[in-house]
């Protein structure tokens, strides 16, 4: 998880650098980042997230366990909803 956080921070740095290059009119360097470095980083983040799907799911709902009643049995539905 820490590796993907590092990659996300790098993506943020690259995007800030891209905005700066666009303001300066340095479109050749902007294109290198936009079509080279940024897609590489995005591919790395996808690979890192795929490598740890179980951990990501566990973090998605902290405090919820398989037996928790929260999350909607029939008695938690809106009275007008059938099903």
C-alpha atoms as a PDB file:
ATOM      1  CA  UNK A   1       0.000   0.000   0.000  1.00  0.00           C
ATOM      2  CA  UNK A   2       2.833   2.377   0.756  1.00  0.00           C
ATOM      3  CA  UNK A   3       4.225   1.800  -2.743  1.00  0.00           C
ATOM      4  CA  UNK A   4       0.982   2.870  -4.364  1.00  0.00           C
ATOM      5  CA  UNK A   5       0.881   5.969  -2.131  1.00  0.00           C
ATOM      6  CA  UNK A   6       4.364   6.872  -3.351  1.00  0.00           C
ATOM      7  CA  UNK A   7       3.229   6.454  -6.962  1.00  0.00           C
ATOM      8  CA  UNK A   8       0.155   8.648  -6.357  1.00  0.00           C
ATOM      9  CA  UNK A   9       2.394  11.367  -4.935  1.00  0.00           C
ATOM     10  CA  UNK A  10       4.645  11.112  -7.999  1.00  0.00           C
ATOM     11  CA  UNK A  11       1.581  11.418 -10.265  1.00  0.00           C
ATOM     12  CA  UNK A  12       0.586  14.590  -8.413  1.00  0.00           C
ATOM     13  CA  UNK A  13       4.105  16.003  -8.882  1.00  0.00           C
ATOM     14  CA  UNK A  14       4.084  15.160 -12.592  1.00  0.00           C
ATOM     15  CA  UNK A  15       0.672  16.804 -13.077  1.00  0.00           C
ATOM     16  CA  UNK A  16       1.864  19.962 -11.303  1.00  0.00           C
ATOM     17  CA  UNK A  17       4.960  19.983 -13.478  1.00  0.00           C
ATOM     18  CA  UNK A  18       2.777  19.546 -16.577  1.00  0.00           C
ATOM     19  CA  UNK A  19       0.650  22.549 -15.609  1.00  0.00           C
ATOM     20  CA  UNK A  20       3.803  24.628 -15.113  1.00  0.00           C
ATOM     21  CA  UNK A  21       5.209  23.559 -18.479  1.00  0.00           C
ATOM     22  CA  UNK A  22       1.921  24.423 -20.188  1.00  0.00           C
ATOM     23  CA  UNK A  23       1.968  27.926 -18.666  1.00  0.00           C
ATOM     24  CA  UNK A  24       5.544  28.372 -19.870  1.00  0.00           C
ATOM     25  CA  UNK A  25       4.699  27.123 -23.353  1.00  0.00           C
ATOM     26  CA  UNK A  26       7.192  24.246 -23.189  1.00  0.00           C
ATOM     27  CA  UNK A  27       4.981  21.843 -25.068  1.00  0.00           C
ATOM     28  CA  UNK A  28       7.724  19.402 -26.054  1.00  0.00           C
ATOM     29  CA  UNK A  29       8.522  18.634 -22.406  1.00  0.00           C
ATOM     30  CA  UNK A  30       4.809  18.653 -21.581  1.00  0.00           C
ATOM     31  CA  UNK A  31       4.185  16.006 -24.232  1.00  0.00           C
ATOM     32  CA  UNK A  32       6.989  13.828 -22.832  1.00  0.00           C
ATOM     33  CA  UNK A  33       5.307  13.829 -19.435  1.00  0.00           C
ATOM     34  CA  UNK A  34       1.749  13.584 -20.727  1.00  0.00           C
ATOM     35  CA  UNK A  35       2.341  10.715 -23.133  1.00  0.00           C
ATOM     36  CA  UNK A  36       5.368   9.083 -21.534  1.00  0.00           C
ATOM     37  CA  UNK A  37       5.847   9.418 -17.797  1.00  0.00           C
ATOM     38  CA  UNK A  38       2.206   9.833 -16.697  1.00  0.00           C
ATOM     39  CA  UNK A  39       0.919   6.690 -18.467  1.00  0.00           C
ATOM     40  CA  UNK A  40       3.836   4.723 -16.977  1.00  0.00           C
ATOM     41  CA  UNK A  41       2.919   5.841 -13.477  1.00  0.00           C
ATOM     42  CA  UNK A  42      -0.774   5.130 -14.036  1.00  0.00           C
ATOM     43  CA  UNK A  43       0.097   1.611 -15.215  1.00  0.00           C
ATOM     44  CA  UNK A  44       2.233   1.119 -12.107  1.00  0.00           C
ATOM     45  CA  UNK A  45      -0.617   2.199  -9.834  1.00  0.00           C
ATOM     46  CA  UNK A  46      -3.015  -0.225 -11.542  1.00  0.00           C
ATOM     47  CA  UNK A  47      -0.508  -3.051 -11.164  1.00  0.00           C
ATOM     48  CA  UNK A  48       0.031  -2.207  -7.481  1.00  0.00           C
ATOM     49  CA  UNK A  49      -3.724  -2.150  -6.836  1.00  0.00           C
ATOM     50  CA  UNK A  50      -4.196  -5.483  -8.627  1.00  0.00           C
ATOM     51  CA  UNK A  51      -1.420  -7.047  -6.578  1.00  0.00           C
ATOM     52  CA  UNK A  52      -3.224  -6.333  -3.306  1.00  0.00           C
ATOM     53  CA  UNK A  53      -6.977  -6.637  -3.961  1.00  0.00           C
ATOM     54  CA  UNK A  54      -7.728  -8.390  -0.674  1.00  0.00           C
ATOM     55  CA  UNK A  55      -6.042  -5.707   1.377  1.00  0.00           C
ATOM     56  CA  UNK A  56      -7.825  -2.951  -0.550  1.00  0.00           C
ATOM     57  CA  UNK A  57     -11.220  -4.563   0.053  1.00  0.00           C
ATOM     58  CA  UNK A  58     -10.509  -4.854   3.752  1.00  0.00           C
ATOM     59  CA  UNK A  59      -9.647  -1.163   3.892  1.00  0.00           C
ATOM     60  CA  UNK A  60     -12.724  -0.134   1.929  1.00  0.00           C
ATOM     61  CA  UNK A  61     -15.043  -0.864   4.856  1.00  0.00           C
ATOM     62  CA  UNK A  62     -13.085  -0.634   8.102  1.00  0.00           C
ATOM     63  CA  UNK A  63     -15.032  -1.911  11.058  1.00  0.00           C
ATOM     64  CA  UNK A  64     -17.442  -3.970   8.967  1.00  0.00           C
ATOM     65  CA  UNK A  65     -17.313  -7.694   9.254  1.00  0.00           C
ATOM     66  CA  UNK A  66     -19.128 -10.500   7.563  1.00  0.00           C
ATOM     67  CA  UNK A  67     -21.638 -10.892  10.394  1.00  0.00           C
ATOM     68  CA  UNK A  68     -22.504  -7.210  10.760  1.00  0.00           C
ATOM     69  CA  UNK A  69     -26.177  -6.439  10.416  1.00  0.00           C
ATOM     70  CA  UNK A  70     -25.456  -2.957   9.093  1.00  0.00           C
ATOM     71  CA  UNK A  71     -25.910  -2.582   5.405  1.00  0.00           C
ATOM     72  CA  UNK A  72     -29.433  -3.523   4.802  1.00  0.00           C
ATOM     73  CA  UNK A  73     -31.627  -6.409   5.574  1.00  0.00           C
ATOM     74  CA  UNK A  74     -35.298  -6.216   4.584  1.00  0.00           C
ATOM     75  CA  UNK A  75     -36.217  -4.226   7.665  1.00  0.00           C
ATOM     76  CA  UNK A  76     -33.801  -1.467   6.636  1.00  0.00           C
ATOM     77  CA  UNK A  77     -35.410  -0.807   3.278  1.00  0.00           C
ATOM     78  CA  UNK A  78     -37.618   2.109   2.490  1.00  0.00           C
ATOM     79  CA  UNK A  79     -41.267   1.197   3.150  1.00  0.00           C
ATOM     80  CA  UNK A  80     -42.271   1.938  -0.450  1.00  0.00           C
ATOM     81  CA  UNK A  81     -39.629  -0.327  -1.998  1.00  0.00           C
ATOM     82  CA  UNK A  82     -40.602  -3.846  -2.961  1.00  0.00           C
ATOM     83  CA  UNK A  83     -38.138  -6.659  -3.165  1.00  0.00           C
END
